[in-house]
Each structure stands twice: as structure tokens, then as C-alpha cells.
Amino acid sequence: MGLNNGEVRVSGSFRPNGASAVSATNNKGVGFTVARTSLGLYTLTFADKFPTLISATAAVRDTSGRGMRVRIGDYDASAKTLKLYTVVGAPRFIPLDIHSLQILSSNDYINSAGGLLAKNTDPVLERTNAATDIATRVKWAANSVIEVQFPPTPLPPEAVATGNAITVNLLLSKSGNTDTSAVVAVKAFLGIGDSNAGGNTTALASASLGKKTVTIASADTLAYPTMLNLALVPGTHANDAIYLHAAWLEVDTLYDLTSDANNVVNFQAIFGNLSFV
């Protein structure tokens, strides 16, 4: 911990301990404590209160060979805390093609080759405006609650081996805003023989384009290799058409390093305007 031209530097290191609490006896440096908050998330608490965080850097030395890195999180000046995330590579972004959706009837695929969405199906695959706007959308007309399903989506090993949650993202809008409590149910099944790990979006309380999400909890993920099976079912909407414009998955890759003398997180934080508690 040092003071130079009005700046205070706090640097140190700690050794992760898997899913268990960090042992303070392995910490190097002064002016901080560290605690494991959750999977891959560590909270540094500083001994002094610093109103301004100027910069922070962190790196990890590990024996896993997974390409680990540290992501800097929020600094809370009042609580004197800085969050550090240990992750494997970058968060995964997996697009889902709405053109590939298949129409279902009575919980199964229909008995024809016409299961793909088209202009004359229910729901409809269409352009937002045939003449002036080529943006594609899936349209459930008012009262249409037909189920559609994406092809199976293989999940990358980094996404499932670390036990991270999976977020299903839907870009949705409506033709009007009469059905303010309408939702879209996301059915999410991993592998074969699973139970539904999805749920409903929050209410579509606006006609405007917006992102709605459903999270598949980390406890429901399976070991690699596996795949995710997703289906969508609109809830009751007697007046407004519901539009689906795009869909994708986001999977973080937070990871707990095991306790090892060579598994160390090093950090340095530079603060300004020191103020003691």
C-alpha cells in the first residue's frame, strides 16, 4: 500500500480455494481482505475508504491450462469493496436462428414437411414491411398460442463444465399494448430425459422492441457434451400480435480455481482522494 501524488495503491494476491472460503494465511499484501462470494466471484474489502477508484488491474496464474483471466467488477466506495471474477475465456454468445423454428402441435412436430415457418403458417414468418423494411419477425396473431421449437443447440465445454447459468434472450415487440400482462414461455430441456428448466419472461408491458430473458439455473446444466432444446409458447394475448425479432443465448464462464500454490490471483488498485473511515 503506497501513497504518491495524492494516489493510493493497494496491491496484493490471494490463492483461490475451489468452492471453499479463501484462506487469509495465503494472502500477500496489506490493506485488504478477500472472500469468495459465489462461483468465480471474489470480493475485495479494503481497510480504508477511498472515494475514487482510478484504475484496477488483475491477473491470474494457474495450472489448469484453461486460459484463465480476471474480469474487474464493480467498486463500491461506501462498502469499500471491489469485485473480481475469474473466468475461462470470454462469455459465450450463441445466436439462435428464428428462420429455423419448427411449428408444433399437441407437443410434437406436425405430420408434413410444412413444419417450418412461412407467410401462410401459424405463427407467421414475415418481413416487418414487405416494401420498406426487410427486418424479419415471427408473428403470433392475437389469440395464437402455437408452440415453436429451435433445433438442438450444442453447448461449448466452457459453458457447461464450469456450472454457469444460461440466459435465453428474446427480442420481442407487440402490435399494440392492450395485453400488458402477456408473457412468452420458454421451455428449456438439456440433454435427453430432462425436465423443463425454463420459465416465463416478464410481462410484455410495452409494444416497443425490447429484450426479455429467462435464466436456466446453473444447477440445471449438464456436463459436456450436451445440448439445449428450446421451445417458445406465447401466453394469452387476445388483442395484440406478438413479434419475435431475434433470439440468442448468453453463457458466462466463471470458474473456481482449486487450491494450489501456483493458482494465484494478483491485483493492483489505484485510488484517489484518500479518506479514512
C-alpha atoms as a PDB file:
ATOM      1  CA  MET A   1       0.000   0.000   0.000  1.00  0.00           C
ATOM      2  CA  GLY A   2       1.611   3.262  -1.070  1.00  0.00           C
ATOM      3  CA  LEU A   3       0.926   6.977  -1.406  1.00  0.00           C
ATOM      4  CA  ASN A   4       2.211   9.022  -4.340  1.00  0.00           C
ATOM      5  CA  ASN A   5       0.996  12.422  -5.581  1.00  0.00           C
ATOM      6  CA  GLY A   6      -2.413  12.034  -3.983  1.00  0.00           C
ATOM      7  CA  GLU A   7      -2.825   8.465  -5.242  1.00  0.00           C
ATOM      8  CA  VAL A   8      -3.086   5.376  -3.067  1.00  0.00           C
ATOM      9  CA  ARG A   9      -2.108   1.994  -4.445  1.00  0.00           C
ATOM     10  CA  VAL A  10      -3.303  -1.232  -2.882  1.00  0.00           C
ATOM     11  CA  SER A  11      -1.798  -4.379  -4.350  1.00  0.00           C
ATOM     12  CA  GLY A  12      -1.647  -7.974  -3.297  1.00  0.00           C
ATOM     13  CA  SER A  13      -2.520 -11.537  -4.142  1.00  0.00           C
ATOM     14  CA  PHE A  14      -4.627 -14.397  -2.831  1.00  0.00           C
ATOM     15  CA  ARG A  15      -4.969 -18.090  -3.505  1.00  0.00           C
ATOM     16  CA  PRO A  16      -8.397 -19.397  -4.610  1.00  0.00           C
ATOM     17  CA  ASN A  17      -9.704 -22.439  -2.768  1.00  0.00           C
ATOM     18  CA  GLY A  18     -12.232 -24.022  -5.104  1.00  0.00           C
ATOM     19  CA  ALA A  19     -15.780 -23.582  -3.803  1.00  0.00           C
ATOM     20  CA  SER A  20     -14.487 -23.112  -0.250  1.00  0.00           C
ATOM     21  CA  ALA A  21     -13.571 -19.939   1.629  1.00  0.00           C
ATOM     22  CA  VAL A  22     -10.271 -18.251   0.778  1.00  0.00           C
ATOM     23  CA  SER A  23      -7.618 -18.816   3.446  1.00  0.00           C
ATOM     24  CA  ALA A  24      -6.238 -15.477   4.657  1.00  0.00           C
ATOM     25  CA  THR A  25      -2.921 -17.128   5.547  1.00  0.00           C
ATOM     26  CA  ASN A  26      -2.111 -17.306   1.818  1.00  0.00           C
ATOM     27  CA  ASN A  27      -2.810 -13.614   1.154  1.00  0.00           C
ATOM     28  CA  LYS A  28       0.101 -11.367   0.179  1.00  0.00           C
ATOM     29  CA  GLY A  29      -0.047  -7.617   0.747  1.00  0.00           C
ATOM     30  CA  VAL A  30      -1.762  -5.371   3.283  1.00  0.00           C
ATOM     31  CA  GLY A  31      -4.843  -3.168   3.464  1.00  0.00           C
ATOM     32  CA  PHE A  32      -7.397  -5.692   2.200  1.00  0.00           C
ATOM     33  CA  THR A  33      -9.289  -8.890   2.900  1.00  0.00           C
ATOM     34  CA  VAL A  34     -10.854 -11.201   0.324  1.00  0.00           C
ATOM     35  CA  ALA A  35     -13.860 -13.524   0.345  1.00  0.00           C
ATOM     36  CA  ARG A  36     -15.326 -15.931  -2.217  1.00  0.00           C
ATOM     37  CA  THR A  37     -18.841 -14.610  -2.860  1.00  0.00           C
ATOM     38  CA  SER A  38     -20.047 -17.182  -5.386  1.00  0.00           C
ATOM     39  CA  LEU A  39     -18.805 -19.211  -8.354  1.00  0.00           C
ATOM     40  CA  GLY A  40     -15.742 -17.403  -9.743  1.00  0.00           C
ATOM     41  CA  LEU A  41     -16.561 -14.178  -7.858  1.00  0.00           C
ATOM     42  CA  TYR A  42     -14.247 -12.752  -5.199  1.00  0.00           C
ATOM     43  CA  THR A  43     -14.923  -9.602  -3.192  1.00  0.00           C
ATOM     44  CA  LEU A  44     -12.001  -7.496  -2.025  1.00  0.00           C
ATOM     45  CA  THR A  45     -12.747  -5.369   1.045  1.00  0.00           C
ATOM     46  CA  PHE A  46     -10.268  -2.573   1.705  1.00  0.00           C
ATOM     47  CA  ALA A  47      -9.256  -1.425   5.162  1.00  0.00           C
ATOM     48  CA  ASP A  48      -9.742   2.237   4.217  1.00  0.00           C
ATOM     49  CA  LYS A  49     -12.457   4.095   2.363  1.00  0.00           C
ATOM     50  CA  PHE A  50     -11.404   5.519  -0.997  1.00  0.00           C
ATOM     51  CA  PRO A  51     -13.938   7.795  -2.710  1.00  0.00           C
ATOM     52  CA  THR A  52     -12.488   7.291  -6.192  1.00  0.00           C
ATOM     53  CA  LEU A  53     -11.148   4.238  -7.990  1.00  0.00           C
ATOM     54  CA  ILE A  54      -8.785   5.495 -10.690  1.00  0.00           C
ATOM     55  CA  SER A  55      -7.836   2.139 -12.178  1.00  0.00           C
ATOM     56  CA  ALA A  56      -7.612  -1.531 -11.331  1.00  0.00           C
ATOM     57  CA  THR A  57      -5.789  -4.449 -12.899  1.00  0.00           C
ATOM     58  CA  ALA A  58      -5.731  -8.125 -12.060  1.00  0.00           C
ATOM     59  CA  ALA A  59      -4.247 -11.298 -13.482  1.00  0.00           C
ATOM     60  CA  VAL A  60      -4.301 -14.966 -12.606  1.00  0.00           C
ATOM     61  CA  ARG A  61      -1.525 -17.541 -12.550  1.00  0.00           C
ATOM     62  CA  ASP A  62      -2.962 -21.028 -12.753  1.00  0.00           C
ATOM     63  CA  THR A  63      -2.146 -24.640 -13.507  1.00  0.00           C
ATOM     64  CA  SER A  64      -5.452 -25.529 -15.175  1.00  0.00           C
ATOM     65  CA  GLY A  65      -4.381 -24.736 -18.746  1.00  0.00           C
ATOM     66  CA  ARG A  66      -7.839 -23.308 -19.404  1.00  0.00           C
ATOM     67  CA  GLY A  67      -6.761 -19.798 -20.404  1.00  0.00           C
ATOM     68  CA  MET A  68      -7.956 -18.159 -17.221  1.00  0.00           C
ATOM     69  CA  ARG A  69      -8.288 -14.403 -16.812  1.00  0.00           C
ATOM     70  CA  VAL A  70      -9.669 -11.978 -14.249  1.00  0.00           C
ATOM     71  CA  ARG A  71     -12.503  -9.549 -15.007  1.00  0.00           C
ATOM     72  CA  ILE A  72     -12.769  -6.394 -12.902  1.00  0.00           C
ATOM     73  CA  GLY A  73     -16.238  -5.821 -11.470  1.00  0.00           C
ATOM     74  CA  ASP A  74     -17.995  -3.075  -9.526  1.00  0.00           C
ATOM     75  CA  TYR A  75     -16.296  -0.828  -6.982  1.00  0.00           C
ATOM     76  CA  ASP A  76     -18.495   0.258  -4.056  1.00  0.00           C
ATOM     77  CA  ALA A  77     -16.850   3.187  -2.288  1.00  0.00           C
ATOM     78  CA  SER A  78     -19.304   3.097   0.600  1.00  0.00           C
ATOM     79  CA  ALA A  79     -18.773  -0.605   1.283  1.00  0.00           C
ATOM     80  CA  LYS A  80     -15.042  -0.356   0.392  1.00  0.00           C
ATOM     81  CA  THR A  81     -15.362  -3.371  -1.934  1.00  0.00           C
ATOM     82  CA  LEU A  82     -14.121  -4.317  -5.396  1.00  0.00           C
ATOM     83  CA  LYS A  83     -15.339  -7.426  -7.214  1.00  0.00           C
ATOM     84  CA  LEU A  84     -13.033  -9.716  -9.187  1.00  0.00           C
ATOM     85  CA  TYR A  85     -14.273 -12.508 -11.469  1.00  0.00           C
ATOM     86  CA  THR A  86     -12.140 -15.490 -12.521  1.00  0.00           C
ATOM     87  CA  VAL A  87     -13.323 -16.663 -15.917  1.00  0.00           C
ATOM     88  CA  VAL A  88     -12.338 -19.060 -18.692  1.00  0.00           C
ATOM     89  CA  GLY A  89     -12.033 -17.033 -21.884  1.00  0.00           C
ATOM     90  CA  ALA A  90     -14.834 -14.707 -22.921  1.00  0.00           C
ATOM     91  CA  PRO A  91     -18.547 -15.098 -22.167  1.00  0.00           C
ATOM     92  CA  ARG A  92     -20.255 -17.190 -24.826  1.00  0.00           C
ATOM     93  CA  PHE A  93     -22.752 -15.592 -27.211  1.00  0.00           C
ATOM     94  CA  ILE A  94     -24.730 -18.204 -29.168  1.00  0.00           C
ATOM     95  CA  PRO A  95     -27.188 -16.912 -31.808  1.00  0.00           C
ATOM     96  CA  LEU A  96     -30.472 -18.751 -32.375  1.00  0.00           C
ATOM     97  CA  ASP A  97     -31.882 -18.627 -35.924  1.00  0.00           C
ATOM     98  CA  ILE A  98     -35.584 -17.726 -35.924  1.00  0.00           C
ATOM     99  CA  HIS A  99     -35.795 -18.939 -39.555  1.00  0.00           C
ATOM    100  CA  SER A 100     -35.153 -22.465 -38.281  1.00  0.00           C
ATOM    101  CA  LEU A 101     -38.139 -22.603 -35.922  1.00  0.00           C
ATOM    102  CA  GLN A 102     -40.458 -25.581 -36.361  1.00  0.00           C
ATOM    103  CA  ILE A 103     -44.210 -25.487 -35.650  1.00  0.00           C
ATOM    104  CA  LEU A 104     -45.530 -27.941 -33.073  1.00  0.00           C
ATOM    105  CA  SER A 105     -48.988 -29.348 -32.486  1.00  0.00           C
ATOM    106  CA  SER A 106     -50.058 -31.316 -29.403  1.00  0.00           C
ATOM    107  CA  ASN A 107     -46.475 -31.300 -28.083  1.00  0.00           C
ATOM    108  CA  ASP A 108     -44.965 -32.832 -31.220  1.00  0.00           C
ATOM    109  CA  TYR A 109     -43.885 -31.986 -34.759  1.00  0.00           C
ATOM    110  CA  ILE A 110     -46.612 -31.894 -37.378  1.00  0.00           C
ATOM    111  CA  ASN A 111     -47.031 -34.715 -39.915  1.00  0.00           C
ATOM    112  CA  SER A 112     -45.869 -32.887 -43.020  1.00  0.00           C
ATOM    113  CA  ALA A 113     -42.894 -31.124 -44.496  1.00  0.00           C
ATOM    114  CA  GLY A 114     -44.629 -27.816 -43.763  1.00  0.00           C
ATOM    115  CA  GLY A 115     -43.393 -27.520 -40.232  1.00  0.00           C
ATOM    116  CA  LEU A 116     -41.105 -24.595 -40.981  1.00  0.00           C
ATOM    117  CA  LEU A 117     -42.493 -21.106 -40.534  1.00  0.00           C
ATOM    118  CA  ALA A 118     -43.727 -19.326 -43.651  1.00  0.00           C
ATOM    119  CA  LYS A 119     -46.024 -16.490 -44.678  1.00  0.00           C
ATOM    120  CA  ASN A 120     -49.091 -18.773 -44.583  1.00  0.00           C
ATOM    121  CA  THR A 121     -48.398 -20.640 -41.333  1.00  0.00           C
ATOM    122  CA  ASP A 122     -49.438 -20.004 -37.748  1.00  0.00           C
ATOM    123  CA  PRO A 123     -47.356 -18.313 -36.477  1.00  0.00           C
ATOM    124  CA  VAL A 124     -46.187 -16.334 -39.500  1.00  0.00           C
ATOM    125  CA  LEU A 125     -42.658 -15.647 -40.715  1.00  0.00           C
ATOM    126  CA  GLU A 126     -42.681 -12.248 -42.398  1.00  0.00           C
ATOM    127  CA  ARG A 127     -40.858  -9.016 -43.107  1.00  0.00           C
ATOM    128  CA  THR A 128     -41.757  -6.107 -40.884  1.00  0.00           C
ATOM    129  CA  ASN A 129     -42.803  -4.215 -44.012  1.00  0.00           C
ATOM    130  CA  ALA A 130     -42.627  -6.050 -47.301  1.00  0.00           C
ATOM    131  CA  ALA A 131     -41.755  -2.887 -49.229  1.00  0.00           C
ATOM    132  CA  THR A 132     -39.632  -0.756 -46.931  1.00  0.00           C
ATOM    133  CA  ASP A 133     -38.332  -2.839 -44.004  1.00  0.00           C
ATOM    134  CA  ILE A 134     -36.647  -6.193 -44.593  1.00  0.00           C
ATOM    135  CA  ALA A 135     -36.327  -6.953 -40.864  1.00  0.00           C
ATOM    136  CA  THR A 136     -37.618 -10.492 -40.258  1.00  0.00           C
ATOM    137  CA  ARG A 137     -40.016 -11.371 -37.475  1.00  0.00           C
ATOM    138  CA  VAL A 138     -42.152 -14.234 -36.240  1.00  0.00           C
ATOM    139  CA  LYS A 139     -45.732 -13.078 -35.742  1.00  0.00           C
ATOM    140  CA  TRP A 140     -48.219 -14.687 -33.381  1.00  0.00           C
ATOM    141  CA  ALA A 141     -51.535 -13.059 -34.256  1.00  0.00           C
ATOM    142  CA  ALA A 142     -53.905 -12.174 -31.425  1.00  0.00           C
ATOM    143  CA  ASN A 143     -55.079 -15.369 -29.667  1.00  0.00           C
ATOM    144  CA  SER A 144     -52.392 -17.514 -31.363  1.00  0.00           C
ATOM    145  CA  VAL A 145     -50.538 -19.583 -28.782  1.00  0.00           C
ATOM    146  CA  ILE A 146     -48.916 -22.097 -31.137  1.00  0.00           C
ATOM    147  CA  GLU A 147     -45.662 -23.608 -29.863  1.00  0.00           C
ATOM    148  CA  VAL A 148     -42.469 -23.397 -31.926  1.00  0.00           C
ATOM    149  CA  GLN A 149     -39.105 -25.053 -31.336  1.00  0.00           C
ATOM    150  CA  PHE A 150     -35.492 -24.296 -32.248  1.00  0.00           C
ATOM    151  CA  PRO A 151     -33.134 -27.044 -33.473  1.00  0.00           C
ATOM    152  CA  PRO A 152     -30.989 -28.571 -30.690  1.00  0.00           C
ATOM    153  CA  THR A 153     -28.167 -26.216 -29.708  1.00  0.00           C
ATOM    154  CA  PRO A 154     -24.857 -27.887 -28.749  1.00  0.00           C
ATOM    155  CA  LEU A 155     -23.247 -26.115 -25.798  1.00  0.00           C
ATOM    156  CA  PRO A 156     -19.484 -25.415 -25.706  1.00  0.00           C
ATOM    157  CA  PRO A 157     -17.458 -27.174 -23.000  1.00  0.00           C
ATOM    158  CA  GLU A 158     -16.523 -23.901 -21.289  1.00  0.00           C
ATOM    159  CA  ALA A 159     -20.191 -23.077 -20.894  1.00  0.00           C
ATOM    160  CA  VAL A 160     -21.217 -26.232 -19.071  1.00  0.00           C
ATOM    161  CA  ALA A 161     -18.059 -27.516 -17.393  1.00  0.00           C
ATOM    162  CA  THR A 162     -17.959 -24.542 -15.052  1.00  0.00           C
ATOM    163  CA  GLY A 163     -21.549 -24.742 -13.823  1.00  0.00           C
ATOM    164  CA  ASN A 164     -22.702 -21.352 -15.107  1.00  0.00           C
ATOM    165  CA  ALA A 165     -26.258 -20.225 -15.681  1.00  0.00           C
ATOM    166  CA  ILE A 166     -27.524 -19.876 -19.269  1.00  0.00           C
ATOM    167  CA  THR A 167     -29.570 -16.822 -20.235  1.00  0.00           C
ATOM    168  CA  VAL A 168     -32.096 -17.105 -23.059  1.00  0.00           C
ATOM    169  CA  ASN A 169     -32.567 -13.696 -24.716  1.00  0.00           C
ATOM    170  CA  LEU A 170     -35.580 -12.791 -26.860  1.00  0.00           C
ATOM    171  CA  LEU A 171     -36.101  -9.528 -28.748  1.00  0.00           C
ATOM    172  CA  LEU A 172     -39.869  -9.055 -28.642  1.00  0.00           C
ATOM    173  CA  SER A 173     -42.442  -6.404 -29.529  1.00  0.00           C
ATOM    174  CA  LYS A 174     -46.220  -6.193 -29.978  1.00  0.00           C
ATOM    175  CA  SER A 175     -48.676  -4.637 -32.438  1.00  0.00           C
ATOM    176  CA  GLY A 176     -50.309  -2.667 -29.619  1.00  0.00           C
ATOM    177  CA  ASN A 177     -50.314  -2.517 -25.853  1.00  0.00           C
ATOM    178  CA  THR A 178     -53.676  -3.799 -24.710  1.00  0.00           C
ATOM    179  CA  ASP A 179     -52.414  -7.153 -23.403  1.00  0.00           C
ATOM    180  CA  THR A 180     -49.966  -5.672 -20.897  1.00  0.00           C
ATOM    181  CA  SER A 181     -49.636  -8.897 -18.896  1.00  0.00           C
ATOM    182  CA  ALA A 182     -48.784 -11.143 -21.853  1.00  0.00           C
ATOM    183  CA  VAL A 183     -45.682 -13.322 -21.477  1.00  0.00           C
ATOM    184  CA  VAL A 184     -43.750 -15.832 -23.569  1.00  0.00           C
ATOM    185  CA  ALA A 185     -42.963 -19.197 -22.001  1.00  0.00           C
ATOM    186  CA  VAL A 186     -39.508 -20.590 -22.693  1.00  0.00           C
ATOM    187  CA  LYS A 187     -39.328 -24.386 -22.474  1.00  0.00           C
ATOM    188  CA  ALA A 188     -35.714 -25.411 -21.842  1.00  0.00           C
ATOM    189  CA  PHE A 189     -34.586 -29.037 -21.713  1.00  0.00           C
ATOM    190  CA  LEU A 190     -30.934 -30.100 -21.547  1.00  0.00           C
ATOM    191  CA  GLY A 191     -29.764 -33.417 -22.981  1.00  0.00           C
ATOM    192  CA  ILE A 192     -32.312 -36.240 -23.106  1.00  0.00           C
ATOM    193  CA  GLY A 193     -34.931 -37.067 -20.486  1.00  0.00           C
ATOM    194  CA  ASP A 194     -34.625 -33.723 -18.704  1.00  0.00           C
ATOM    195  CA  SER A 195     -37.392 -31.706 -17.054  1.00  0.00           C
ATOM    196  CA  ASN A 196     -38.255 -28.142 -18.008  1.00  0.00           C
ATOM    197  CA  ALA A 197     -35.610 -25.757 -16.661  1.00  0.00           C
ATOM    198  CA  GLY A 198     -37.078 -22.666 -18.334  1.00  0.00           C
ATOM    199  CA  GLY A 199     -39.868 -20.316 -17.351  1.00  0.00           C
ATOM    200  CA  ASN A 200     -41.855 -17.278 -18.423  1.00  0.00           C
ATOM    201  CA  THR A 201     -40.481 -13.941 -19.500  1.00  0.00           C
ATOM    202  CA  THR A 202     -41.597 -10.910 -17.577  1.00  0.00           C
ATOM    203  CA  ALA A 203     -44.735  -9.260 -18.909  1.00  0.00           C
ATOM    204  CA  LEU A 204     -44.621  -7.595 -22.310  1.00  0.00           C
ATOM    205  CA  ALA A 205     -45.838  -4.314 -20.822  1.00  0.00           C
ATOM    206  CA  SER A 206     -44.868  -2.226 -23.848  1.00  0.00           C
ATOM    207  CA  ALA A 207     -45.413  -2.504 -27.587  1.00  0.00           C
ATOM    208  CA  SER A 208     -41.860  -1.313 -28.260  1.00  0.00           C
ATOM    209  CA  LEU A 209     -38.986  -3.608 -29.145  1.00  0.00           C
ATOM    210  CA  GLY A 210     -37.280  -4.870 -26.011  1.00  0.00           C
ATOM    211  CA  LYS A 211     -35.197  -7.707 -24.626  1.00  0.00           C
ATOM    212  CA  LYS A 212     -36.824 -10.311 -22.421  1.00  0.00           C
ATOM    213  CA  THR A 213     -34.799 -13.005 -20.689  1.00  0.00           C
ATOM    214  CA  VAL A 214     -35.250 -16.356 -18.997  1.00  0.00           C
ATOM    215  CA  THR A 215     -32.392 -17.834 -16.998  1.00  0.00           C
ATOM    216  CA  ILE A 216     -31.582 -21.533 -16.836  1.00  0.00           C
ATOM    217  CA  ALA A 217     -30.007 -22.004 -13.414  1.00  0.00           C
ATOM    218  CA  SER A 218     -26.501 -23.399 -13.098  1.00  0.00           C
ATOM    219  CA  ALA A 219     -27.910 -26.316 -11.098  1.00  0.00           C
ATOM    220  CA  ASP A 220     -29.816 -27.434 -14.218  1.00  0.00           C
ATOM    221  CA  THR A 221     -26.820 -27.550 -16.560  1.00  0.00           C
ATOM    222  CA  LEU A 222     -25.257 -30.873 -17.540  1.00  0.00           C
ATOM    223  CA  ALA A 223     -21.701 -31.982 -18.135  1.00  0.00           C
ATOM    224  CA  TYR A 224     -20.175 -31.651 -21.611  1.00  0.00           C
ATOM    225  CA  PRO A 225     -21.083 -32.888 -24.179  1.00  0.00           C
ATOM    226  CA  THR A 226     -24.729 -31.882 -24.104  1.00  0.00           C
ATOM    227  CA  MET A 227     -27.285 -29.818 -25.999  1.00  0.00           C
ATOM    228  CA  LEU A 228     -30.062 -27.400 -25.188  1.00  0.00           C
ATOM    229  CA  ASN A 229     -33.572 -27.894 -26.563  1.00  0.00           C
ATOM    230  CA  LEU A 230     -35.666 -24.724 -26.605  1.00  0.00           C
ATOM    231  CA  ALA A 231     -39.334 -24.116 -27.428  1.00  0.00           C
ATOM    232  CA  LEU A 232     -41.424 -20.936 -27.182  1.00  0.00           C
ATOM    233  CA  VAL A 233     -45.123 -20.633 -26.317  1.00  0.00           C
ATOM    234  CA  PRO A 234     -46.882 -17.258 -26.049  1.00  0.00           C
ATOM    235  CA  GLY A 235     -49.253 -16.792 -23.137  1.00  0.00           C
ATOM    236  CA  THR A 236     -52.742 -15.375 -23.503  1.00  0.00           C
ATOM    237  CA  HIS A 237     -52.900 -12.285 -25.745  1.00  0.00           C
ATOM    238  CA  ALA A 238     -56.418 -11.718 -27.033  1.00  0.00           C
ATOM    239  CA  ASN A 239     -55.799  -8.345 -28.668  1.00  0.00           C
ATOM    240  CA  ASP A 240     -52.164  -7.722 -29.585  1.00  0.00           C
ATOM    241  CA  ALA A 241     -49.965  -9.623 -32.021  1.00  0.00           C
ATOM    242  CA  ILE A 242     -46.647 -10.699 -30.507  1.00  0.00           C
ATOM    243  CA  TYR A 243     -43.483 -10.406 -32.605  1.00  0.00           C
ATOM    244  CA  LEU A 244     -40.197 -12.263 -32.120  1.00  0.00           C
ATOM    245  CA  HIS A 245     -37.341 -10.485 -33.925  1.00  0.00           C
ATOM    246  CA  ALA A 246     -34.213 -12.303 -32.715  1.00  0.00           C
ATOM    247  CA  ALA A 247     -33.015 -14.797 -30.110  1.00  0.00           C
ATOM    248  CA  TRP A 248     -29.688 -15.806 -28.591  1.00  0.00           C
ATOM    249  CA  LEU A 249     -28.017 -17.435 -25.607  1.00  0.00           C
ATOM    250  CA  GLU A 250     -25.505 -15.837 -23.265  1.00  0.00           C
ATOM    251  CA  VAL A 251     -23.351 -18.045 -21.067  1.00  0.00           C
ATOM    252  CA  ASP A 252     -20.738 -16.703 -18.703  1.00  0.00           C
ATOM    253  CA  THR A 253     -17.697 -18.868 -17.974  1.00  0.00           C
ATOM    254  CA  LEU A 254     -16.966 -18.156 -14.326  1.00  0.00           C
ATOM    255  CA  TYR A 255     -14.632 -20.733 -12.839  1.00  0.00           C
ATOM    256  CA  ASP A 256     -13.366 -21.703  -9.376  1.00  0.00           C
ATOM    257  CA  LEU A 257      -9.655 -22.491  -9.307  1.00  0.00           C
ATOM    258  CA  THR A 258      -8.613 -25.221  -6.922  1.00  0.00           C
ATOM    259  CA  SER A 259      -6.265 -24.536  -4.023  1.00  0.00           C
ATOM    260  CA  ASP A 260      -2.707 -24.778  -5.310  1.00  0.00           C
ATOM    261  CA  ALA A 261       0.462 -22.816  -4.584  1.00  0.00           C
ATOM    262  CA  ASN A 262       0.589 -21.936  -8.301  1.00  0.00           C
ATOM    263  CA  ASN A 263      -3.047 -20.822  -8.518  1.00  0.00           C
ATOM    264  CA  VAL A 264      -2.811 -17.173  -7.503  1.00  0.00           C
ATOM    265  CA  VAL A 265      -4.794 -14.031  -8.318  1.00  0.00           C
ATOM    266  CA  ASN A 266      -2.685 -10.844  -8.352  1.00  0.00           C
ATOM    267  CA  PHE A 267      -4.276  -7.400  -8.289  1.00  0.00           C
ATOM    268  CA  GLN A 268      -3.486  -3.700  -8.055  1.00  0.00           C
ATOM    269  CA  ALA A 269      -5.964  -0.907  -7.439  1.00  0.00           C
ATOM    270  CA  ILE A 270      -5.138   2.812  -7.642  1.00  0.00           C
ATOM    271  CA  PHE A 271      -7.346   5.220  -5.696  1.00  0.00           C
ATOM    272  CA  GLY A 272      -7.523   8.979  -5.382  1.00  0.00           C
ATOM    273  CA  ASN A 273      -8.507  11.331  -2.554  1.00  0.00           C
ATOM    274  CA  LEU A 274      -7.862   9.104   0.449  1.00  0.00           C
ATOM    275  CA  SER A 275     -10.437   9.368   3.213  1.00  0.00           C
ATOM    276  CA  PHE A 276     -10.147   7.257   6.359  1.00  0.00           C
ATOM    277  CA  VAL A 277     -13.230   5.703   7.945  1.00  0.00           C
END
